[in-house]
Amino acid sequence: MKKRIILAVDSATGPSSAAIWADGAVVAYAQDVSKTMQSARILPLIDQVLSESGYTYQSLTEIVCTIGPGSF
């Protein structure tokens, strides 16, 4: 069975966050509490959690995100 490595992204409202989930647990998490400019802040958060976790974009098996009234 292929290992599941999930990138989770939230930028729908208020603070933005990104996390990497693997082996049944969150292995990296980053949050920016700014309530504006999510579209400028989310990609650096994603890069941060990838770096902290040791995974790459190519490692990911799934990407999940919130949907809503965000700017990104």
Protein backbone atom coordinates (compact mmCIF):
# COMPACT_ATOMS: atom_id res chain seq x y z
CA MET A 1 0.00 0.00 0.00
CA LYS A 2 1.31 3.45 -0.95
CA LYS A 3 2.07 5.79 1.93
CA ARG A 4 -0.41 8.68 2.18
CA ILE A 5 1.22 12.09 2.46
CA ILE A 6 -1.30 14.90 2.58
CA LEU A 7 -0.83 18.64 2.28
CA ALA A 8 -3.69 20.46 4.02
CA VAL A 9 -4.21 24.17 3.33
CA ASP A 10 -6.61 26.66 4.92
CA SER A 11 -6.92 30.20 3.63
CA ALA A 12 -10.69 30.64 3.57
CA THR A 13 -11.04 33.12 6.42
CA GLY A 14 -8.80 34.90 8.89
CA PRO A 15 -5.50 33.16 9.63
CA SER A 16 -3.93 30.91 7.00
CA SER A 17 -2.36 27.56 7.74
CA ALA A 18 -0.67 24.63 6.08
CA ALA A 19 0.12 21.17 7.39
CA ILE A 20 1.67 17.91 6.26
CA TRP A 21 0.00 14.71 7.45
CA ALA A 22 1.82 11.39 7.10
CA ASP A 23 1.84 8.09 8.96
CA GLY A 24 -1.41 8.99 10.70
CA ALA A 25 -0.19 12.23 12.26
CA VAL A 26 0.58 15.85 11.56
CA VAL A 27 4.33 16.02 10.93
CA ALA A 28 4.59 19.75 10.19
CA TYR A 29 2.30 22.72 10.76
CA ALA A 30 2.60 26.47 10.12
CA GLN A 31 0.15 29.30 10.65
CA ASP A 32 0.04 32.99 9.76
CA VAL A 33 -2.43 34.87 11.94
CA SER A 34 -2.75 37.85 9.60
CA LYS A 35 -6.32 38.34 8.46
CA THR A 36 -5.39 39.75 5.06
CA MET A 37 -3.23 38.86 2.07
CA GLN A 38 -3.71 35.09 2.36
CA SER A 39 -2.77 34.69 -1.31
CA ALA A 40 0.67 36.20 -0.64
CA ARG A 41 1.24 34.27 2.58
CA ILE A 42 0.01 30.74 1.85
CA LEU A 43 2.74 29.62 -0.55
CA PRO A 44 5.56 30.43 1.91
CA LEU A 45 3.63 28.47 4.57
CA ILE A 46 3.41 25.50 2.22
CA ASP A 47 7.13 25.71 1.48
CA GLN A 48 7.82 25.87 5.22
CA VAL A 49 5.86 22.72 6.10
CA LEU A 50 7.36 20.82 3.18
CA SER A 51 10.84 21.79 4.33
CA GLU A 52 10.14 20.93 7.98
CA SER A 53 8.63 17.57 7.09
CA GLY A 54 11.33 16.57 4.62
CA TYR A 55 8.76 15.94 1.89
CA THR A 56 8.54 17.54 -1.54
CA TYR A 57 5.67 18.41 -3.85
CA GLN A 58 6.42 15.17 -5.69
CA SER A 59 6.04 13.22 -2.43
CA LEU A 60 2.45 14.33 -1.92
CA THR A 61 -0.32 11.86 -2.61
CA GLU A 62 -3.18 14.24 -1.80
CA ILE A 63 -3.89 17.93 -1.36
CA VAL A 64 -6.88 19.08 0.66
CA CYS A 65 -8.11 22.61 1.24
CA THR A 66 -10.88 24.64 2.70
CA ILE A 67 -13.21 26.49 0.42
CA GLY A 68 -14.91 29.68 1.25
CA PRO A 69 -14.78 33.40 1.07
CA GLY A 70 -11.01 33.78 1.01
CA SER A 71 -8.85 35.75 -1.37
CA PHE A 72 -6.97 32.65 -2.53
